[in-house]
């Protein structure tokens, strides 16, 4: 429901859900390759390749050569992405403020602690090679 609500509130950014999610993950993990980003987004690498092509075309993402592998490229946010991400975080903050408004600070801390524990336990159950590192940040 949160994702659906968020999608409704960011339509003016002209980004698909997949695109804004990719930008958010890249903002936390610049320098990823497309395969790692595909794992984080839980999609196939070819899907991410097309997604990144579109983000490159609108100057939100840059591909740069991987210094350790001449066949690979790393993904970085372009300068223009800063403004888009600022708006994404602003909308996220507005939504979280609304949905958590009836909770005390202590209840919010407890909720975050419990959800973090669930996430950690779930991550331990995942097969090796599947990363939950992008989800370990507080946004």
C-alpha atoms as a PDB file:
ATOM      1  CA  UNK A   1       0.000   0.000   0.000  1.00  0.00           C
ATOM      2  CA  UNK A   2       2.857   2.373   0.764  1.00  0.00           C
ATOM      3  CA  UNK A   3       4.388   1.782  -2.644  1.00  0.00           C
ATOM      4  CA  UNK A   4       1.035   2.388  -4.355  1.00  0.00           C
ATOM      5  CA  UNK A   5       0.525   5.577  -2.363  1.00  0.00           C
ATOM      6  CA  UNK A   6       4.036   6.716  -3.175  1.00  0.00           C
ATOM      7  CA  UNK A   7       3.503   6.036  -6.900  1.00  0.00           C
ATOM      8  CA  UNK A   8       0.421   8.226  -6.849  1.00  0.00           C
ATOM      9  CA  UNK A   9       2.332  11.083  -5.234  1.00  0.00           C
ATOM     10  CA  UNK A  10       5.327  11.029  -7.576  1.00  0.00           C
ATOM     11  CA  UNK A  11       3.497  10.869 -10.898  1.00  0.00           C
ATOM     12  CA  UNK A  12       4.624  14.441 -11.608  1.00  0.00           C
ATOM     13  CA  UNK A  13       8.234  13.205 -11.757  1.00  0.00           C
ATOM     14  CA  UNK A  14       7.417  11.154 -14.880  1.00  0.00           C
ATOM     15  CA  UNK A  15       9.171   8.088 -13.483  1.00  0.00           C
ATOM     16  CA  UNK A  16       7.908   4.543 -13.377  1.00  0.00           C
ATOM     17  CA  UNK A  17       8.048   2.611 -10.138  1.00  0.00           C
ATOM     18  CA  UNK A  18      10.989   0.622 -11.489  1.00  0.00           C
ATOM     19  CA  UNK A  19      12.826   3.828 -12.386  1.00  0.00           C
ATOM     20  CA  UNK A  20      12.431   5.577  -9.050  1.00  0.00           C
ATOM     21  CA  UNK A  21      13.324   2.372  -7.216  1.00  0.00           C
ATOM     22  CA  UNK A  22      16.501   2.054  -9.311  1.00  0.00           C
ATOM     23  CA  UNK A  23      17.430   5.666  -8.534  1.00  0.00           C
ATOM     24  CA  UNK A  24      16.894   5.112  -4.821  1.00  0.00           C
ATOM     25  CA  UNK A  25      19.032   1.971  -4.798  1.00  0.00           C
ATOM     26  CA  UNK A  26      21.759   3.711  -6.783  1.00  0.00           C
ATOM     27  CA  UNK A  27      21.699   6.658  -4.394  1.00  0.00           C
ATOM     28  CA  UNK A  28      22.641   4.242  -1.616  1.00  0.00           C
ATOM     29  CA  UNK A  29      25.045   2.114  -3.652  1.00  0.00           C
ATOM     30  CA  UNK A  30      26.679   4.137  -6.403  1.00  0.00           C
ATOM     31  CA  UNK A  31      29.130   2.179  -8.507  1.00  0.00           C
ATOM     32  CA  UNK A  32      27.050  -0.980  -8.728  1.00  0.00           C
ATOM     33  CA  UNK A  33      26.993  -2.987 -11.889  1.00  0.00           C
ATOM     34  CA  UNK A  34      23.718  -3.870 -13.572  1.00  0.00           C
ATOM     35  CA  UNK A  35      23.709  -7.449 -12.261  1.00  0.00           C
ATOM     36  CA  UNK A  36      23.958  -6.279  -8.642  1.00  0.00           C
ATOM     37  CA  UNK A  37      21.215  -3.716  -9.218  1.00  0.00           C
ATOM     38  CA  UNK A  38      19.024  -6.419 -10.788  1.00  0.00           C
ATOM     39  CA  UNK A  39      19.467  -8.525  -7.632  1.00  0.00           C
ATOM     40  CA  UNK A  40      18.443  -5.604  -5.451  1.00  0.00           C
ATOM     41  CA  UNK A  41      15.388  -4.870  -7.576  1.00  0.00           C
ATOM     42  CA  UNK A  42      14.576  -8.573  -7.861  1.00  0.00           C
ATOM     43  CA  UNK A  43      14.407  -8.466 -11.652  1.00  0.00           C
ATOM     44  CA  UNK A  44      16.360  -9.992 -14.528  1.00  0.00           C
ATOM     45  CA  UNK A  45      19.573  -8.244 -15.655  1.00  0.00           C
ATOM     46  CA  UNK A  46      18.124  -7.613 -19.135  1.00  0.00           C
ATOM     47  CA  UNK A  47      15.248  -5.727 -17.511  1.00  0.00           C
ATOM     48  CA  UNK A  48      17.709  -3.528 -15.643  1.00  0.00           C
ATOM     49  CA  UNK A  49      19.685  -2.925 -18.837  1.00  0.00           C
ATOM     50  CA  UNK A  50      16.580  -1.488 -20.520  1.00  0.00           C
ATOM     51  CA  UNK A  51      15.671   0.447 -17.393  1.00  0.00           C
ATOM     52  CA  UNK A  52      19.138   1.994 -17.174  1.00  0.00           C
ATOM     53  CA  UNK A  53      19.071   2.805 -20.904  1.00  0.00           C
ATOM     54  CA  UNK A  54      15.989   4.949 -20.250  1.00  0.00           C
ATOM     55  CA  UNK A  55      17.524   6.639 -17.190  1.00  0.00           C
ATOM     56  CA  UNK A  56      20.710   7.380 -19.147  1.00  0.00           C
ATOM     57  CA  UNK A  57      18.612   8.852 -21.976  1.00  0.00           C
ATOM     58  CA  UNK A  58      17.027  11.377 -19.576  1.00  0.00           C
ATOM     59  CA  UNK A  59      20.386  12.207 -17.931  1.00  0.00           C
ATOM     60  CA  UNK A  60      19.632  10.703 -14.521  1.00  0.00           C
ATOM     61  CA  UNK A  61      22.203   7.873 -14.594  1.00  0.00           C
ATOM     62  CA  UNK A  62      25.684   7.467 -16.056  1.00  0.00           C
ATOM     63  CA  UNK A  63      27.479   4.293 -17.067  1.00  0.00           C
ATOM     64  CA  UNK A  64      31.219   4.335 -16.427  1.00  0.00           C
ATOM     65  CA  UNK A  65      33.804   1.685 -17.247  1.00  0.00           C
ATOM     66  CA  UNK A  66      34.662  -0.714 -14.441  1.00  0.00           C
ATOM     67  CA  UNK A  67      38.366  -0.278 -13.681  1.00  0.00           C
ATOM     68  CA  UNK A  68      38.648  -3.966 -12.761  1.00  0.00           C
ATOM     69  CA  UNK A  69      36.741  -5.479 -15.686  1.00  0.00           C
ATOM     70  CA  UNK A  70      36.901  -3.923 -19.130  1.00  0.00           C
ATOM     71  CA  UNK A  71      33.696  -5.720 -20.158  1.00  0.00           C
ATOM     72  CA  UNK A  72      31.640  -4.322 -17.270  1.00  0.00           C
ATOM     73  CA  UNK A  73      30.240  -0.916 -16.523  1.00  0.00           C
ATOM     74  CA  UNK A  74      29.395   0.715 -13.206  1.00  0.00           C
ATOM     75  CA  UNK A  75      26.323   2.830 -12.575  1.00  0.00           C
ATOM     76  CA  UNK A  76      26.398   6.312 -11.086  1.00  0.00           C
ATOM     77  CA  UNK A  77      23.853   9.050 -10.590  1.00  0.00           C
ATOM     78  CA  UNK A  78      24.085  11.983 -12.954  1.00  0.00           C
ATOM     79  CA  UNK A  79      24.003  15.516 -11.558  1.00  0.00           C
ATOM     80  CA  UNK A  80      20.375  15.959 -12.631  1.00  0.00           C
ATOM     81  CA  UNK A  81      19.330  13.043 -10.366  1.00  0.00           C
ATOM     82  CA  UNK A  82      19.971  15.056  -7.188  1.00  0.00           C
ATOM     83  CA  UNK A  83      16.857  17.174  -7.639  1.00  0.00           C
ATOM     84  CA  UNK A  84      14.690  14.179  -8.499  1.00  0.00           C
ATOM     85  CA  UNK A  85      15.949  12.266  -5.471  1.00  0.00           C
ATOM     86  CA  UNK A  86      15.366  15.259  -3.224  1.00  0.00           C
ATOM     87  CA  UNK A  87      11.720  15.254  -4.282  1.00  0.00           C
ATOM     88  CA  UNK A  88      11.500  11.461  -3.832  1.00  0.00           C
ATOM     89  CA  UNK A  89      12.797  11.759  -0.236  1.00  0.00           C
ATOM     90  CA  UNK A  90      10.451  14.683   0.408  1.00  0.00           C
ATOM     91  CA  UNK A  91       7.425  12.660  -0.680  1.00  0.00           C
ATOM     92  CA  UNK A  92       8.625   9.646   1.329  1.00  0.00           C
ATOM     93  CA  UNK A  93       9.015  11.807   4.436  1.00  0.00           C
ATOM     94  CA  UNK A  94       5.511  13.241   3.956  1.00  0.00           C
ATOM     95  CA  UNK A  95       3.996   9.765   3.620  1.00  0.00           C
ATOM     96  CA  UNK A  96       5.844   8.339   6.618  1.00  0.00           C
ATOM     97  CA  UNK A  97       4.824  11.336   8.723  1.00  0.00           C
ATOM     98  CA  UNK A  98       1.193  10.708   7.808  1.00  0.00           C
ATOM     99  CA  UNK A  99       1.140   6.953   8.344  1.00  0.00           C
ATOM    100  CA  UNK A 100       3.060   7.123  11.622  1.00  0.00           C
ATOM    101  CA  UNK A 101       1.335  10.225  13.031  1.00  0.00           C
ATOM    102  CA  UNK A 102      -0.648   8.345  15.674  1.00  0.00           C
ATOM    103  CA  UNK A 103       2.442   6.655  17.124  1.00  0.00           C
ATOM    104  CA  UNK A 104       4.627   7.929  19.915  1.00  0.00           C
ATOM    105  CA  UNK A 105       8.364   8.242  19.339  1.00  0.00           C
ATOM    106  CA  UNK A 106       8.834   5.120  21.462  1.00  0.00           C
ATOM    107  CA  UNK A 107       6.332   3.174  19.346  1.00  0.00           C
ATOM    108  CA  UNK A 108       8.080   4.280  16.161  1.00  0.00           C
ATOM    109  CA  UNK A 109      11.449   3.171  17.536  1.00  0.00           C
ATOM    110  CA  UNK A 110       9.971  -0.185  18.522  1.00  0.00           C
ATOM    111  CA  UNK A 111       8.405  -0.627  15.082  1.00  0.00           C
ATOM    112  CA  UNK A 112      11.688   0.133  13.335  1.00  0.00           C
ATOM    113  CA  UNK A 113      13.580  -2.204  15.648  1.00  0.00           C
ATOM    114  CA  UNK A 114      11.143  -5.057  15.058  1.00  0.00           C
ATOM    115  CA  UNK A 115      11.041  -4.567  11.288  1.00  0.00           C
ATOM    116  CA  UNK A 116      14.840  -4.410  11.185  1.00  0.00           C
ATOM    117  CA  UNK A 117      14.990  -7.704  13.058  1.00  0.00           C
ATOM    118  CA  UNK A 118      12.516  -9.317  10.636  1.00  0.00           C
ATOM    119  CA  UNK A 119      14.554  -8.016   7.705  1.00  0.00           C
ATOM    120  CA  UNK A 120      17.779  -9.352   9.209  1.00  0.00           C
ATOM    121  CA  UNK A 121      16.278 -12.774   9.869  1.00  0.00           C
ATOM    122  CA  UNK A 122      14.841 -12.906   6.364  1.00  0.00           C
ATOM    123  CA  UNK A 123      18.206 -11.910   4.902  1.00  0.00           C
ATOM    124  CA  UNK A 124      19.881 -14.796   6.728  1.00  0.00           C
ATOM    125  CA  UNK A 125      17.460 -17.176   5.031  1.00  0.00           C
ATOM    126  CA  UNK A 126      18.257 -15.929   1.530  1.00  0.00           C
ATOM    127  CA  UNK A 127      20.558 -17.985  -0.709  1.00  0.00           C
ATOM    128  CA  UNK A 128      24.156 -16.810  -0.871  1.00  0.00           C
ATOM    129  CA  UNK A 129      24.784 -14.132  -3.428  1.00  0.00           C
ATOM    130  CA  UNK A 130      21.450 -12.424  -2.972  1.00  0.00           C
ATOM    131  CA  UNK A 131      22.090  -9.197  -1.189  1.00  0.00           C
ATOM    132  CA  UNK A 132      19.879  -7.332   1.223  1.00  0.00           C
ATOM    133  CA  UNK A 133      22.458  -4.578   1.672  1.00  0.00           C
ATOM    134  CA  UNK A 134      20.322  -2.037  -0.139  1.00  0.00           C
ATOM    135  CA  UNK A 135      17.553  -2.557   2.354  1.00  0.00           C
ATOM    136  CA  UNK A 136      19.712  -2.021   5.412  1.00  0.00           C
ATOM    137  CA  UNK A 137      19.585   1.752   5.164  1.00  0.00           C
ATOM    138  CA  UNK A 138      16.964   3.742   7.055  1.00  0.00           C
ATOM    139  CA  UNK A 139      14.929   4.901   4.061  1.00  0.00           C
END
